[in-house]
């Protein structure tokens, strides 16, 4: 019997982001390689403003406290 647990996650493609949003995403993910998936937790405290790409994720189907995957490629 397989005891592995699987998790369903929302997946986004950075190439679907508007240019300014994608630039913000790339800057936040410095060091991430090409053609990889980046895990992102959609959460922040009340004293900080979410980054532009996080706002885009929320506007495009992510929910606060979600853990999503973003395809990082250029």
Protein backbone atom coordinates (compact mmCIF):
# COMPACT_ATOMS: atom_id res chain seq x y z
CA UNK A 1 0.00 0.00 0.00
CA UNK A 2 1.26 3.47 -0.87
CA UNK A 3 1.35 5.77 2.18
CA UNK A 4 2.38 8.89 0.26
CA UNK A 5 0.19 11.91 0.71
CA UNK A 6 -0.58 14.11 -2.25
CA UNK A 7 -1.58 17.72 -2.25
CA UNK A 8 -3.56 19.61 -4.86
CA UNK A 9 -2.07 23.01 -5.61
CA UNK A 10 -2.89 25.93 -7.88
CA UNK A 11 -0.27 26.41 -10.61
CA UNK A 12 0.50 29.71 -12.33
CA UNK A 13 2.78 30.49 -15.28
CA UNK A 14 4.91 33.61 -14.94
CA UNK A 15 4.67 34.19 -18.69
CA UNK A 16 0.95 34.94 -18.23
CA UNK A 17 1.81 37.85 -15.93
CA UNK A 18 1.91 41.41 -17.31
CA UNK A 19 5.49 42.61 -17.84
CA UNK A 20 5.68 44.78 -14.68
CA UNK A 21 4.31 41.94 -12.54
CA UNK A 22 6.70 39.41 -14.08
CA UNK A 23 9.65 41.74 -13.45
CA UNK A 24 8.60 42.04 -9.78
CA UNK A 25 8.31 38.25 -9.58
CA UNK A 26 11.77 37.69 -11.13
CA UNK A 27 13.34 40.19 -8.71
CA UNK A 28 11.73 38.44 -5.73
CA UNK A 29 12.97 35.04 -6.94
CA UNK A 30 16.62 35.90 -7.46
CA UNK A 31 18.65 32.77 -7.91
CA UNK A 32 15.82 30.64 -9.27
CA UNK A 33 16.85 28.91 -12.46
CA UNK A 34 15.09 28.62 -15.78
CA UNK A 35 12.25 26.13 -16.28
CA UNK A 36 11.57 25.39 -12.61
CA UNK A 37 8.57 25.68 -10.32
CA UNK A 38 8.73 28.08 -7.38
CA UNK A 39 6.61 27.49 -4.30
CA UNK A 40 4.93 30.64 -2.97
CA UNK A 41 2.99 31.11 0.24
CA UNK A 42 0.33 33.79 -0.13
CA UNK A 43 0.49 35.48 3.25
CA UNK A 44 1.88 38.59 4.88
CA UNK A 45 1.36 40.52 8.07
CA UNK A 46 -0.87 43.57 8.45
CA UNK A 47 2.07 45.98 8.50
CA UNK A 48 3.46 45.01 5.09
CA UNK A 49 1.98 45.50 1.68
CA UNK A 50 1.92 42.44 -0.59
CA UNK A 51 4.26 42.55 -3.55
CA UNK A 52 2.88 43.34 -7.00
CA UNK A 53 3.11 39.72 -8.14
CA UNK A 54 1.34 38.52 -4.98
CA UNK A 55 -1.53 40.93 -5.71
CA UNK A 56 -1.65 39.52 -9.25
CA UNK A 57 -1.85 35.97 -7.89
CA UNK A 58 -4.76 36.98 -5.64
CA UNK A 59 -6.53 38.66 -8.56
CA UNK A 60 -6.06 35.53 -10.67
CA UNK A 61 -7.31 32.74 -8.42
CA UNK A 62 -5.00 32.41 -5.42
CA UNK A 63 -6.40 32.88 -1.94
CA UNK A 64 -4.70 34.27 1.15
CA UNK A 65 -2.92 31.41 2.97
CA UNK A 66 -2.65 29.35 -0.25
CA UNK A 67 0.55 27.59 -1.15
CA UNK A 68 0.86 27.82 -4.95
CA UNK A 69 3.37 26.83 -7.60
CA UNK A 70 4.60 29.33 -10.18
CA UNK A 71 6.39 28.13 -13.30
CA UNK A 72 9.56 30.24 -13.46
CA UNK A 73 10.98 30.45 -16.97
CA UNK A 74 12.12 32.91 -19.57
